[in-house]
Amino acid sequence: MKNQKPTVEETLQSIDSTLKRIEELLSNKSDVTVITSRIMGYITDVLEKSQKEFSKASPKYHWD
């Protein structure tokens, strides 16, 4: 069997499908940004609390 080239219509459908997926990803970007920002905030809080606890426990654990 010989490999057939996709028809113009199939190619256009593939491009359209790809563009729709990109559009979905971009529309969800703001959600991802908000979630990422919250996660980073939580991580920062945990690190700050850990730093305070380590500082109380032993002066050698001091991060500037």
N, C-alpha and C. Protein backbone atom coordinates (compact mmCIF):
# COMPACT_ATOMS: atom_id res chain seq x y z
N MET A 1 0.82 -1.19 0.00
CA MET A 1 0.00 0.00 0.00
C MET A 1 0.86 1.25 0.00
N LYS A 2 0.41 2.19 -0.72
CA LYS A 2 1.11 3.45 -0.85
C LYS A 2 0.56 4.45 0.17
N ASN A 3 1.46 5.21 0.79
CA ASN A 3 1.00 6.24 1.73
C ASN A 3 0.30 7.34 0.96
N GLN A 4 -0.89 7.67 1.41
CA GLN A 4 -1.64 8.73 0.75
C GLN A 4 -1.40 10.04 1.48
N LYS A 5 -1.27 11.09 0.70
CA LYS A 5 -1.14 12.42 1.29
C LYS A 5 -2.51 12.85 1.78
N PRO A 6 -2.54 13.57 2.90
CA PRO A 6 -3.84 14.05 3.36
C PRO A 6 -4.43 15.04 2.36
N THR A 7 -5.71 15.00 2.26
CA THR A 7 -6.38 15.94 1.36
C THR A 7 -6.33 17.33 1.98
N VAL A 8 -6.61 18.32 1.17
CA VAL A 8 -6.63 19.70 1.66
C VAL A 8 -7.65 19.83 2.79
N GLU A 9 -8.79 19.20 2.62
CA GLU A 9 -9.84 19.27 3.65
C GLU A 9 -9.37 18.65 4.97
N GLU A 10 -8.70 17.50 4.89
CA GLU A 10 -8.18 16.86 6.10
C GLU A 10 -7.13 17.74 6.78
N THR A 11 -6.29 18.35 5.98
CA THR A 11 -5.26 19.24 6.52
C THR A 11 -5.90 20.44 7.21
N LEU A 12 -6.90 21.03 6.57
CA LEU A 12 -7.59 22.17 7.17
C LEU A 12 -8.31 21.78 8.46
N GLN A 13 -8.90 20.59 8.48
CA GLN A 13 -9.57 20.12 9.70
C GLN A 13 -8.56 19.93 10.83
N SER A 14 -7.40 19.40 10.48
CA SER A 14 -6.35 19.20 11.48
C SER A 14 -5.88 20.54 12.04
N ILE A 15 -5.69 21.51 11.15
CA ILE A 15 -5.27 22.85 11.58
C ILE A 15 -6.34 23.47 12.47
N ASP A 16 -7.59 23.33 12.07
CA ASP A 16 -8.70 23.88 12.85
C ASP A 16 -8.75 23.24 14.24
N SER A 17 -8.58 21.95 14.29
CA SER A 17 -8.58 21.24 15.57
C SER A 17 -7.44 21.72 16.46
N THR A 18 -6.27 21.89 15.88
CA THR A 18 -5.11 22.37 16.63
C THR A 18 -5.36 23.78 17.16
N LEU A 19 -5.90 24.64 16.32
CA LEU A 19 -6.20 26.01 16.75
C LEU A 19 -7.22 26.04 17.88
N LYS A 20 -8.20 25.16 17.82
CA LYS A 20 -9.20 25.09 18.90
C LYS A 20 -8.56 24.67 20.21
N ARG A 21 -7.64 23.70 20.14
CA ARG A 21 -6.95 23.26 21.36
C ARG A 21 -6.09 24.39 21.93
N ILE A 22 -5.41 25.12 21.05
CA ILE A 22 -4.59 26.25 21.49
C ILE A 22 -5.47 27.31 22.16
N GLU A 23 -6.61 27.58 21.54
CA GLU A 23 -7.55 28.56 22.10
C GLU A 23 -8.02 28.13 23.49
N GLU A 24 -8.32 26.85 23.66
CA GLU A 24 -8.74 26.34 24.97
C GLU A 24 -7.63 26.52 26.00
N LEU A 25 -6.41 26.18 25.60
CA LEU A 25 -5.28 26.32 26.52
C LEU A 25 -5.07 27.78 26.92
N LEU A 26 -5.17 28.67 25.95
CA LEU A 26 -4.97 30.09 26.25
C LEU A 26 -6.09 30.63 27.12
N SER A 27 -7.30 30.17 26.92
CA SER A 27 -8.41 30.65 27.74
C SER A 27 -8.28 30.15 29.17
N ASN A 28 -7.64 29.02 29.35
CA ASN A 28 -7.43 28.48 30.69
C ASN A 28 -6.17 29.03 31.35
N LYS A 29 -5.39 29.80 30.59
CA LYS A 29 -4.13 30.31 31.11
C LYS A 29 -4.33 31.13 32.37
N SER A 30 -5.37 31.96 32.38
CA SER A 30 -5.58 32.79 33.56
C SER A 30 -5.85 31.92 34.79
N ASP A 31 -6.60 30.83 34.61
CA ASP A 31 -6.84 29.92 35.72
C ASP A 31 -5.53 29.32 36.21
N VAL A 32 -4.69 28.91 35.27
CA VAL A 32 -3.40 28.32 35.63
C VAL A 32 -2.54 29.34 36.36
N THR A 33 -2.56 30.58 35.89
CA THR A 33 -1.77 31.64 36.52
C THR A 33 -2.23 31.87 37.95
N VAL A 34 -3.53 31.91 38.17
CA VAL A 34 -4.07 32.11 39.52
C VAL A 34 -3.68 30.96 40.43
N ILE A 35 -3.85 29.74 39.94
CA ILE A 35 -3.51 28.56 40.75
C ILE A 35 -2.02 28.54 41.07
N THR A 36 -1.18 28.81 40.07
CA THR A 36 0.26 28.83 40.28
C THR A 36 0.65 29.90 41.29
N SER A 37 0.03 31.06 41.18
CA SER A 37 0.31 32.15 42.11
C SER A 37 -0.05 31.75 43.54
N ARG A 38 -1.18 31.10 43.71
CA ARG A 38 -1.59 30.64 45.04
C ARG A 38 -0.61 29.61 45.59
N ILE A 39 -0.22 28.67 44.74
CA ILE A 39 0.73 27.64 45.18
C ILE A 39 2.04 28.29 45.61
N MET A 40 2.53 29.24 44.81
CA MET A 40 3.77 29.92 45.17
C MET A 40 3.62 30.68 46.49
N GLY A 41 2.46 31.28 46.70
CA GLY A 41 2.20 31.97 47.96
C GLY A 41 2.25 31.01 49.14
N TYR A 42 1.62 29.84 48.98
CA TYR A 42 1.63 28.84 50.05
C TYR A 42 3.06 28.36 50.32
N ILE A 43 3.81 28.12 49.26
CA ILE A 43 5.19 27.66 49.43
C ILE A 43 6.00 28.72 50.17
N THR A 44 5.83 29.98 49.80
CA THR A 44 6.55 31.07 50.46
C THR A 44 6.20 31.11 51.94
N ASP A 45 4.91 31.00 52.25
CA ASP A 45 4.48 31.01 53.66
C ASP A 45 5.12 29.87 54.44
N VAL A 46 5.10 28.68 53.86
CA VAL A 46 5.67 27.51 54.53
C VAL A 46 7.17 27.70 54.74
N LEU A 47 7.86 28.22 53.73
CA LEU A 47 9.30 28.44 53.87
C LEU A 47 9.60 29.47 54.95
N GLU A 48 8.81 30.55 55.00
CA GLU A 48 9.01 31.57 56.03
C GLU A 48 8.77 30.99 57.42
N LYS A 49 7.71 30.20 57.58
CA LYS A 49 7.42 29.58 58.88
C LYS A 49 8.53 28.60 59.26
N SER A 50 9.00 27.83 58.27
CA SER A 50 10.08 26.88 58.53
C SER A 50 11.34 27.61 58.96
N GLN A 51 11.63 28.72 58.30
CA GLN A 51 12.81 29.51 58.64
C GLN A 51 12.73 29.99 60.09
N LYS A 52 11.55 30.47 60.50
CA LYS A 52 11.37 30.94 61.88
C LYS A 52 11.56 29.80 62.86
N GLU A 53 10.99 28.64 62.54
CA GLU A 53 11.11 27.49 63.43
C GLU A 53 12.56 27.04 63.55
N PHE A 54 13.27 26.99 62.42
CA PHE A 54 14.67 26.60 62.47
C PHE A 54 15.50 27.61 63.24
N SER A 55 15.18 28.89 63.07
CA SER A 55 15.90 29.94 63.79
C SER A 55 15.70 29.80 65.29
N LYS A 56 14.48 29.46 65.70
CA LYS A 56 14.20 29.27 67.13
C LYS A 56 14.94 28.03 67.65
N ALA A 57 14.94 26.98 66.86
CA ALA A 57 15.51 25.71 67.29
C ALA A 57 17.03 25.78 67.40
N SER A 58 17.65 26.42 66.44
CA SER A 58 19.10 26.49 66.43
C SER A 58 19.56 27.68 65.61
N PRO A 59 20.43 28.50 66.17
CA PRO A 59 20.89 29.69 65.45
C PRO A 59 21.67 29.37 64.17
N LYS A 60 22.19 28.15 64.05
CA LYS A 60 22.97 27.83 62.85
C LYS A 60 22.10 27.73 61.60
N TYR A 61 20.80 27.53 61.76
CA TYR A 61 19.89 27.49 60.62
C TYR A 61 19.28 28.87 60.41
N HIS A 62 20.05 29.76 59.85
CA HIS A 62 19.52 31.11 59.60
C HIS A 62 19.72 31.45 58.13
N TRP A 63 18.62 31.71 57.45
CA TRP A 63 18.68 32.05 56.03
C TRP A 63 18.48 33.54 55.88
N ASP A 64 19.33 34.15 55.11
CA ASP A 64 19.17 35.60 54.85
C ASP A 64 18.46 35.82 53.56
